[in-house]
Amino acid sequence: MIFAGGLEDTDPGRRNMWLLVQLRWIAVGGQLATIGFVHFVMGVHLPLVPLFMAPLVLAGINLGTYPLLDRRSEITNWELTVAMLVDVAALAWQLHFTGGLANPFASLFLLQVVTGAMLLQPWSSWAIVGAVGAAIFAIAVSPVPLDLPPGLRDPFRLYLGGSLICLALIAVLLVTLITRIARNLRDGDAALAEVRQRAAEEDHIVRMGLLASGAAHELGTPLSSLSVILGDWQRMPRLAADKDMAQDIADMQAEVARCKTIVSGILLSAGEARGLASEFTTVRGFLDALVADWRASRLTGTLDFEDRFGRDVAIVSDTALRQVLSNVIDNAAEVSPDWIGITSLRDADDLVIEVADRGPGFAPEMLGGFGQPYRSSKGKPGGGLGLFLLVNVLRTLGGTASAENRPEGGALVRIRLPLDAIAREGEEQA
């Protein structure tokens, strides 16, 4: 539920207050319609001035509640209790000037008790019961009797008709109340399930981060040893004289250097930069470098990059983002080794990156659980972490990731990232 001003309703107290506001509007409309019908159609003379005061006060309270709900993130049980006590007082005021307990609409007090029992804490519910009891006693003392016209001298018949109308009104309001409360409970359960899911995912991230950081530390020493050994081999005259062997050693050194770069990137993402500073670049420079590195180290001639971003924007290069984007491209290459399409574009203040392939596409269960850990179409134990990391890295930056199957075949992963999250400080996002 969204309130005016765009603030999302997540607090149960706010949802309950909104429900009371809706019921109060129904009460205001019903009171005005009833007063008008009884006074002007049935010819029963009513004290219009005091009777119109109650719906006007209730309408004013409703209008004043809207800005309160916009400003406040939570509504307390005390505020809900006061709001319900006002409703009880307004009903008692109306009944006092329309016959007191002889008015068949006195049964509406039951609706106040039921509403309080559903929306309030136990002690507040009993407070509403006490207030209703006090109101019933007050209107029984000296009510203003109804001035019935000569044609309506059968009070019992009139009472029965009013009772039937009141019963129907209570039934409609109770159904409305209970269905809204049930929906609020479902929304609350869904929100709680989402929080639990996110907590579980963050726990996975923490464990994987610790594992990756530990593995990166452990790999640093053997990689350095391999680099030293390969350097010694490269300087040995017998091996240097063999061109094939020299080329193999050079290739091995390049791969070791690449592994060391990956290890440094993992440590940088974990907050252990090893003296490496953040890199200042632009959106186009970041994507061009990503595409160039992928083309140089993997399948050449299979990646089509379409740049539709428009005016370039200065950003701070994020290593974690670079890694997860590379994972998405690698996943596309596994199922579509002949072609991968990457498109970059700008949507308002968002950077949108689309990675498409010509593979078999995502299964329906994969689309339904996109980004959840250990859900993979490859059938490997522990698979599915690449998309999981993508979703969570983007979440930390305020972005989102989604997936769909292309009509012409294959899959498409769409990455949306606010430029403000990666823009260099002080740069204008025009």
Protein backbone atom coordinates (compact mmCIF):
# COMPACT_ATOMS: atom_id res chain seq x y z
CA MET A 1 0.00 0.00 0.00
CA ILE A 2 1.37 3.45 -0.95
CA PHE A 3 0.32 6.63 0.79
CA ALA A 4 0.27 10.10 -0.69
CA GLY A 5 3.81 11.32 -1.07
CA GLY A 6 5.05 7.96 -2.26
CA LEU A 7 5.88 6.51 1.15
CA GLU A 8 5.43 2.77 1.20
CA ASP A 9 3.35 1.35 4.04
CA THR A 10 5.31 -1.26 5.96
CA ASP A 11 4.24 -0.59 9.57
CA PRO A 12 1.19 -2.48 10.91
CA GLY A 13 0.10 0.58 12.87
CA ARG A 14 0.08 2.68 9.72
CA ARG A 15 -1.94 0.07 7.85
CA ASN A 16 -4.44 -0.13 10.73
CA MET A 17 -4.76 3.66 10.88
CA TRP A 18 -5.37 3.73 7.14
CA LEU A 19 -8.09 1.11 7.64
CA LEU A 20 -9.72 3.25 10.34
CA VAL A 21 -9.64 6.23 7.99
CA GLN A 22 -11.46 4.25 5.32
CA LEU A 23 -14.07 2.99 7.79
CA ARG A 24 -14.52 6.52 9.09
CA TRP A 25 -15.22 7.82 5.58
CA ILE A 26 -17.86 5.11 5.23
CA ALA A 27 -19.33 6.20 8.56
CA VAL A 28 -19.37 9.87 7.51
CA GLY A 29 -21.14 9.05 4.25
CA GLY A 30 -23.61 6.76 6.00
CA GLN A 31 -24.41 9.33 8.67
CA LEU A 32 -25.00 12.11 6.18
CA ALA A 33 -27.18 9.88 3.99
CA THR A 34 -29.19 8.63 6.97
CA ILE A 35 -29.75 12.11 8.41
CA GLY A 36 -30.85 13.43 5.03
CA PHE A 37 -33.19 10.51 4.35
CA VAL A 38 -34.82 10.50 7.80
CA HIS A 39 -35.23 14.27 8.03
CA PHE A 40 -36.17 15.23 4.47
CA VAL A 41 -37.76 12.04 3.09
CA MET A 42 -39.37 10.41 6.11
CA GLY A 43 -40.31 13.75 7.63
CA VAL A 44 -38.81 13.03 11.07
CA HIS A 45 -37.70 16.32 12.57
CA LEU A 46 -34.07 16.03 13.66
CA PRO A 47 -31.74 18.53 15.37
CA LEU A 48 -29.60 19.03 12.29
CA VAL A 49 -26.98 21.34 13.79
CA PRO A 50 -25.65 18.94 16.47
CA LEU A 51 -26.10 15.92 14.18
CA PHE A 52 -24.05 17.44 11.37
CA MET A 53 -21.27 18.34 13.82
CA ALA A 54 -20.17 14.71 14.28
CA PRO A 55 -19.56 13.85 10.58
CA LEU A 56 -17.86 17.20 10.04
CA VAL A 57 -15.51 16.53 12.97
CA LEU A 58 -14.80 12.99 11.72
CA ALA A 59 -14.11 14.30 8.20
CA GLY A 60 -11.73 16.90 9.63
CA ILE A 61 -9.91 14.22 11.62
CA ASN A 62 -9.55 12.12 8.47
CA LEU A 63 -8.15 15.04 6.48
CA GLY A 64 -5.69 15.75 9.28
CA THR A 65 -4.62 12.10 9.39
CA TYR A 66 -3.30 12.05 5.81
CA PRO A 67 -0.33 14.41 6.43
CA LEU A 68 0.34 12.55 9.70
CA LEU A 69 0.66 9.28 7.78
CA ASP A 70 2.95 10.96 5.24
CA ARG A 71 5.29 12.29 7.93
CA ARG A 72 5.34 9.36 10.33
CA SER A 73 7.01 6.02 9.68
CA GLU A 74 5.13 4.36 12.55
CA ILE A 75 1.73 4.75 14.23
CA THR A 76 1.59 3.70 17.87
CA ASN A 77 -1.10 1.71 19.65
CA TRP A 78 -1.88 4.82 21.71
CA GLU A 79 -2.73 6.81 18.59
CA LEU A 80 -4.95 4.03 17.27
CA THR A 81 -6.72 3.84 20.64
CA VAL A 82 -7.37 7.58 20.70
CA ALA A 83 -8.72 7.45 17.14
CA MET A 84 -11.15 4.68 18.08
CA LEU A 85 -12.24 6.49 21.24
CA VAL A 86 -13.11 9.50 19.07
CA ASP A 87 -15.23 7.23 16.86
CA VAL A 88 -17.04 5.87 19.92
CA ALA A 89 -17.69 9.40 21.18
CA ALA A 90 -19.00 10.50 17.76
CA LEU A 91 -21.44 7.57 17.61
CA ALA A 92 -22.63 8.26 21.16
CA TRP A 93 -23.16 11.93 20.25
CA GLN A 94 -25.30 10.98 17.24
CA LEU A 95 -27.36 8.47 19.23
CA HIS A 96 -27.94 10.94 22.08
CA PHE A 97 -29.78 13.32 19.71
CA THR A 98 -31.71 10.54 17.95
CA GLY A 99 -33.45 8.61 20.72
CA GLY A 100 -30.57 7.03 22.63
CA LEU A 101 -30.87 3.28 23.11
CA ALA A 102 -34.25 3.36 21.37
CA ASN A 103 -32.37 4.06 18.15
CA PRO A 104 -31.75 0.72 16.36
CA PHE A 105 -28.36 1.97 15.20
CA ALA A 106 -27.08 1.65 18.78
CA SER A 107 -25.95 -1.83 17.71
CA LEU A 108 -23.11 -0.13 15.83
CA PHE A 109 -21.28 -0.03 19.17
CA LEU A 110 -20.68 -3.75 18.60
CA LEU A 111 -18.70 -2.90 15.48
CA GLN A 112 -16.48 -0.59 17.54
CA VAL A 113 -15.76 -3.40 20.03
CA VAL A 114 -14.93 -5.91 17.28
CA THR A 115 -12.70 -3.40 15.48
CA GLY A 116 -10.82 -2.64 18.69
CA ALA A 117 -10.32 -6.34 19.43
CA MET A 118 -8.79 -6.86 15.97
CA LEU A 119 -6.59 -3.78 15.66
CA LEU A 120 -5.48 -2.91 19.19
CA GLN A 121 -3.44 -4.45 21.96
CA PRO A 122 -5.45 -6.36 24.61
CA TRP A 123 -5.48 -3.59 27.20
CA SER A 124 -6.59 -1.08 24.54
CA SER A 125 -9.35 -3.42 23.39
CA TRP A 126 -10.71 -3.52 26.93
CA ALA A 127 -10.44 0.27 27.07
CA ILE A 128 -12.71 0.43 24.02
CA VAL A 129 -15.13 -1.95 25.75
CA GLY A 130 -15.14 0.34 28.80
CA ALA A 131 -15.67 3.41 26.62
CA VAL A 132 -18.58 1.73 24.84
CA GLY A 133 -20.12 0.79 28.19
CA ALA A 134 -19.78 4.38 29.43
CA ALA A 135 -21.29 5.69 26.18
CA ILE A 136 -24.27 3.34 26.44
CA PHE A 137 -24.86 4.47 30.02
CA ALA A 138 -24.60 8.14 28.99
CA ILE A 139 -27.09 7.93 26.13
CA ALA A 140 -29.51 5.96 28.32
CA VAL A 141 -29.75 8.73 30.93
CA SER A 142 -31.49 11.59 29.13
CA PRO A 143 -31.55 11.13 25.36
CA VAL A 144 -33.32 13.51 23.00
CA PRO A 145 -36.42 11.62 21.80
CA LEU A 146 -37.30 11.42 18.14
CA ASP A 147 -40.09 13.73 17.03
CA LEU A 148 -42.07 11.33 14.85
CA PRO A 149 -44.60 12.77 12.38
CA PRO A 150 -48.29 11.72 12.66
CA GLY A 151 -47.89 9.16 9.83
CA LEU A 152 -45.17 7.27 11.71
CA ARG A 153 -46.87 6.45 14.99
CA ASP A 154 -45.81 2.79 15.01
CA PRO A 155 -42.43 2.97 16.75
CA PHE A 156 -41.96 -0.81 16.89
CA ARG A 157 -42.37 -1.19 13.12
CA LEU A 158 -39.91 1.66 12.61
CA TYR A 159 -37.48 0.06 15.05
CA LEU A 160 -37.61 -3.29 13.22
CA GLY A 161 -36.91 -1.62 9.88
CA GLY A 162 -33.98 0.30 11.35
CA SER A 163 -32.65 -2.87 12.98
CA LEU A 164 -32.62 -4.69 9.64
CA ILE A 165 -30.77 -1.79 8.01
CA CYS A 166 -28.29 -1.68 10.92
CA LEU A 167 -27.72 -5.45 10.70
CA ALA A 168 -26.98 -5.21 6.98
CA LEU A 169 -24.64 -2.27 7.60
CA ILE A 170 -22.75 -4.13 10.34
CA ALA A 171 -22.40 -7.19 8.08
CA VAL A 172 -20.96 -5.12 5.22
CA LEU A 173 -18.56 -3.25 7.48
CA LEU A 174 -17.39 -6.43 9.23
CA VAL A 175 -16.68 -8.14 5.91
CA THR A 176 -14.78 -5.05 4.74
CA LEU A 177 -12.86 -4.89 8.00
CA ILE A 178 -11.94 -8.57 8.18
CA THR A 179 -10.92 -8.83 4.52
CA ARG A 180 -8.68 -5.76 4.85
CA ILE A 181 -7.11 -7.10 8.04
CA ALA A 182 -6.54 -10.47 6.37
CA ARG A 183 -4.86 -8.73 3.45
CA ASN A 184 -2.68 -6.73 5.84
CA LEU A 185 -1.65 -9.95 7.56
CA ARG A 186 -0.77 -11.54 4.22
CA ASP A 187 1.25 -8.47 3.25
CA GLY A 188 3.02 -8.57 6.61
CA ASP A 189 3.83 -12.26 6.21
CA ALA A 190 5.16 -11.63 2.72
CA ALA A 191 7.32 -8.75 3.95
CA LEU A 192 8.63 -10.90 6.81
CA ALA A 193 9.43 -13.73 4.41
CA GLU A 194 11.31 -11.29 2.18
CA VAL A 195 13.32 -10.01 5.15
CA ARG A 196 14.18 -13.55 6.17
CA GLN A 197 15.17 -14.41 2.60
CA ARG A 198 17.38 -11.35 2.42
CA ALA A 199 18.97 -12.19 5.78
CA ALA A 200 19.70 -15.71 4.53
CA GLU A 201 21.21 -14.33 1.32
CA GLU A 202 23.36 -11.87 3.26
CA ASP A 203 24.54 -14.75 5.44
CA HIS A 204 25.54 -16.59 2.24
CA ILE A 205 27.39 -13.49 1.08
CA VAL A 206 29.29 -13.19 4.35
CA ARG A 207 30.31 -16.85 4.27
CA MET A 208 31.33 -16.71 0.63
CA GLY A 209 33.21 -13.48 1.22
CA LEU A 210 35.17 -15.04 4.07
CA LEU A 211 35.86 -18.12 1.94
CA ALA A 212 36.94 -16.08 -1.08
CA SER A 213 39.11 -13.77 1.02
CA GLY A 214 40.78 -16.71 2.76
CA ALA A 215 41.34 -18.52 -0.52
CA ALA A 216 42.80 -15.37 -2.07
CA HIS A 217 45.26 -15.03 0.79
CA GLU A 218 46.26 -18.68 0.50
CA LEU A 219 46.69 -18.48 -3.28
CA GLY A 220 48.90 -15.42 -3.08
CA THR A 221 51.99 -17.31 -1.92
CA PRO A 222 51.95 -20.18 -4.48
CA LEU A 223 51.23 -17.74 -7.30
CA SER A 224 54.22 -15.64 -6.29
CA SER A 225 56.36 -18.76 -6.15
CA LEU A 226 55.20 -19.82 -9.62
CA SER A 227 55.98 -16.35 -10.95
CA VAL A 228 59.52 -16.52 -9.55
CA ILE A 229 60.10 -20.04 -10.92
CA LEU A 230 58.83 -19.10 -14.36
CA GLY A 231 61.07 -16.03 -14.35
CA ASP A 232 64.05 -18.24 -13.54
CA TRP A 233 63.12 -20.66 -16.32
CA GLN A 234 62.80 -17.80 -18.78
CA ARG A 235 66.38 -16.73 -18.04
CA MET A 236 67.84 -20.21 -18.44
CA PRO A 237 69.80 -20.33 -21.76
CA ARG A 238 68.75 -23.88 -22.61
CA LEU A 239 65.04 -23.09 -22.26
CA ALA A 240 65.36 -19.66 -23.87
CA ALA A 241 66.91 -21.29 -26.93
CA ASP A 242 63.81 -23.45 -27.43
CA LYS A 243 61.28 -21.09 -29.04
CA ASP A 244 58.28 -23.31 -28.33
CA MET A 245 59.29 -23.72 -24.70
CA ALA A 246 59.94 -19.98 -24.34
CA GLN A 247 56.50 -19.21 -25.75
CA ASP A 248 54.88 -21.67 -23.35
CA ILE A 249 56.70 -20.08 -20.42
CA ALA A 250 55.56 -16.61 -21.53
CA ASP A 251 51.97 -17.84 -21.78
CA MET A 252 52.23 -19.39 -18.32
CA GLN A 253 53.58 -16.13 -16.91
CA ALA A 254 50.66 -14.25 -18.46
CA GLU A 255 48.15 -16.67 -16.91
CA VAL A 256 49.85 -16.43 -13.51
CA ALA A 257 49.72 -12.64 -13.76
CA ARG A 258 46.02 -12.89 -14.62
CA CYS A 259 45.42 -15.12 -11.60
CA LYS A 260 47.22 -12.62 -9.37
CA THR A 261 45.02 -9.85 -10.78
CA ILE A 262 41.90 -11.88 -9.98
CA VAL A 263 43.16 -12.53 -6.43
CA SER A 264 43.88 -8.82 -5.95
CA GLY A 265 40.38 -8.03 -7.20
CA ILE A 266 38.84 -10.45 -4.70
CA LEU A 267 40.78 -8.87 -1.87
CA LEU A 268 39.85 -5.40 -3.09
CA SER A 269 36.15 -6.34 -3.08
CA ALA A 270 36.56 -7.71 0.44
CA GLY A 271 38.01 -4.39 1.59
CA GLU A 272 41.66 -5.55 1.58
CA ALA A 273 42.98 -3.38 -1.20
CA ARG A 274 46.69 -4.23 -0.78
CA GLY A 275 47.53 -0.64 -1.64
CA LEU A 276 45.37 -0.50 -4.77
CA ALA A 277 43.31 2.69 -5.15
CA SER A 278 39.92 3.03 -6.78
CA GLU A 279 40.11 3.71 -10.49
CA PHE A 280 38.48 6.80 -11.97
CA THR A 281 37.02 6.24 -15.40
CA THR A 282 33.81 6.77 -17.36
CA VAL A 283 30.84 4.57 -18.15
CA ARG A 284 32.04 4.12 -21.73
CA GLY A 285 35.62 3.52 -20.62
CA PHE A 286 34.51 0.98 -18.02
CA LEU A 287 32.41 -0.99 -20.51
CA ASP A 288 34.97 -0.75 -23.31
CA ALA A 289 37.67 -2.11 -21.00
CA LEU A 290 35.38 -4.92 -19.81
CA VAL A 291 34.55 -5.94 -23.37
CA ALA A 292 38.17 -5.66 -24.52
CA ASP A 293 39.45 -7.83 -21.67
CA TRP A 294 36.80 -10.47 -22.34
CA ARG A 295 37.55 -10.54 -26.08
CA ALA A 296 41.29 -10.81 -25.45
CA SER A 297 41.12 -13.68 -22.95
CA ARG A 298 38.14 -15.73 -24.09
CA LEU A 299 36.26 -16.57 -27.29
CA THR A 300 37.24 -14.01 -29.89
CA GLY A 301 34.80 -12.81 -32.52
CA THR A 302 31.70 -13.93 -30.61
CA LEU A 303 30.81 -10.78 -28.68
CA ASP A 304 28.81 -7.93 -30.25
CA PHE A 305 28.85 -4.73 -28.21
CA GLU A 306 26.35 -1.97 -29.02
CA ASP A 307 26.93 1.35 -27.23
CA ARG A 308 23.73 3.39 -27.01
CA PHE A 309 24.53 5.12 -23.72
CA GLY A 310 24.80 8.62 -25.14
CA ARG A 311 26.66 11.33 -23.25
CA ASP A 312 29.46 9.80 -21.19
CA VAL A 313 29.54 10.08 -17.38
CA ALA A 314 32.57 10.03 -15.10
CA ILE A 315 32.41 7.18 -12.58
CA VAL A 316 34.49 5.30 -10.02
CA SER A 317 35.22 1.80 -11.31
CA ASP A 318 33.87 -0.89 -8.98
CA THR A 319 35.83 -4.13 -8.99
CA ALA A 320 32.96 -6.22 -7.62
CA LEU A 321 30.64 -4.90 -10.34
CA ARG A 322 33.23 -5.69 -12.99
CA GLN A 323 33.57 -9.24 -11.71
CA VAL A 324 29.86 -10.00 -11.62
CA LEU A 325 29.37 -8.53 -15.10
CA SER A 326 32.15 -10.78 -16.35
CA ASN A 327 30.37 -13.73 -14.73
CA VAL A 328 27.17 -12.89 -16.60
CA ILE A 329 29.05 -12.75 -19.91
CA ASP A 330 30.84 -16.03 -19.09
CA ASN A 331 27.49 -17.69 -18.34
CA ALA A 332 26.13 -16.49 -21.69
CA ALA A 333 29.26 -17.81 -23.47
CA GLU A 334 28.81 -21.27 -21.94
CA VAL A 335 25.36 -21.72 -23.51
CA SER A 336 25.96 -19.61 -26.62
CA PRO A 337 29.61 -19.94 -27.72
CA ASP A 338 28.87 -18.55 -31.21
CA TRP A 339 27.29 -15.22 -30.25
CA ILE A 340 26.81 -12.91 -27.26
CA GLY A 341 25.18 -9.51 -27.51
CA ILE A 342 25.83 -6.68 -25.06
CA THR A 343 23.91 -3.42 -25.21
CA SER A 344 24.46 -0.40 -23.00
CA LEU A 345 21.91 2.39 -22.83
CA ARG A 346 20.73 5.14 -20.55
CA ASP A 347 17.22 5.24 -19.08
CA ALA A 348 16.73 8.56 -17.26
CA ASP A 349 19.42 8.45 -14.52
CA ASP A 350 20.06 4.71 -14.79
CA LEU A 351 22.70 2.75 -16.63
CA VAL A 352 21.09 -0.27 -18.30
CA ILE A 353 23.23 -3.17 -19.55
CA GLU A 354 21.61 -6.02 -21.47
CA VAL A 355 23.44 -9.32 -22.04
CA ALA A 356 21.76 -11.58 -24.61
CA ASP A 357 22.60 -15.03 -25.95
CA ARG A 358 21.24 -17.64 -28.34
CA GLY A 359 21.19 -20.53 -25.90
CA PRO A 360 18.22 -22.55 -24.66
CA GLY A 361 17.00 -19.75 -22.39
CA PHE A 362 15.96 -19.89 -18.75
CA ALA A 363 13.64 -22.57 -17.41
CA PRO A 364 10.45 -21.22 -15.77
CA GLU A 365 11.67 -22.20 -12.29
CA MET A 366 14.91 -20.30 -12.92
CA LEU A 367 13.01 -17.16 -13.91
CA GLY A 368 10.81 -17.51 -10.83
CA GLY A 369 13.81 -17.80 -8.50
CA PHE A 370 16.21 -15.52 -10.39
CA GLY A 371 19.18 -14.56 -8.24
CA GLN A 372 18.55 -17.09 -5.48
CA PRO A 373 21.63 -19.05 -4.38
CA TYR A 374 22.27 -22.60 -5.53
CA ARG A 375 19.69 -22.43 -8.33
CA SER A 376 21.49 -23.32 -11.54
CA SER A 377 20.54 -24.75 -14.90
CA LYS A 378 23.95 -26.41 -15.19
CA GLY A 379 23.22 -29.14 -12.67
CA LYS A 380 26.50 -28.56 -10.81
CA PRO A 381 26.63 -28.86 -7.00
CA GLY A 382 26.92 -25.38 -5.51
CA GLY A 383 26.06 -23.75 -8.85
CA GLY A 384 23.94 -20.65 -9.32
CA LEU A 385 26.17 -18.36 -7.25
CA GLY A 386 27.12 -16.11 -10.19
CA LEU A 387 23.62 -14.67 -10.62
CA PHE A 388 23.19 -14.62 -6.83
CA LEU A 389 26.30 -12.46 -6.48
CA LEU A 390 25.14 -10.26 -9.36
CA VAL A 391 21.78 -9.55 -7.72
CA ASN A 392 23.31 -8.80 -4.33
CA VAL A 393 26.17 -6.63 -5.63
CA LEU A 394 23.60 -4.59 -7.56
CA ARG A 395 21.38 -4.42 -4.48
CA THR A 396 24.19 -2.85 -2.44
CA LEU A 397 24.57 -0.24 -5.19
CA GLY A 398 20.83 0.41 -5.40
CA GLY A 399 20.39 -1.43 -8.68
CA THR A 400 18.43 -4.43 -9.89
CA ALA A 401 18.84 -7.40 -12.23
CA SER A 402 16.14 -9.27 -14.12
CA ALA A 403 16.02 -12.05 -16.68
CA GLU A 404 13.71 -13.06 -19.49
CA ASN A 405 13.67 -15.33 -22.52
CA ARG A 406 13.99 -13.66 -25.91
CA PRO A 407 11.17 -14.22 -28.43
CA GLU A 408 13.71 -15.19 -31.10
CA GLY A 409 15.38 -17.67 -28.75
CA GLY A 410 17.96 -17.42 -26.03
CA ALA A 411 18.02 -15.46 -22.78
CA LEU A 412 18.48 -11.84 -21.81
CA VAL A 413 19.77 -10.52 -18.49
CA ARG A 414 18.99 -6.85 -17.89
CA ILE A 415 21.09 -4.94 -15.36
CA ARG A 416 19.88 -1.57 -14.11
CA LEU A 417 22.16 0.60 -11.99
CA PRO A 418 21.61 4.18 -10.76
CA LEU A 419 24.40 6.38 -12.07
CA ASP A 420 24.49 8.22 -8.74
CA ALA A 421 25.72 5.00 -7.10
CA ILE A 422 28.92 4.87 -9.19
CA ALA A 423 29.32 8.47 -10.37
CA ARG A 424 32.41 10.38 -9.38
CA GLU A 425 31.58 12.80 -6.58
CA GLY A 426 30.67 16.24 -7.86
CA GLU A 427 29.89 15.10 -11.40
CA GLU A 428 26.62 16.31 -12.87
CA GLN A 429 24.32 13.54 -14.16
CA ALA A 430 22.82 15.52 -17.02
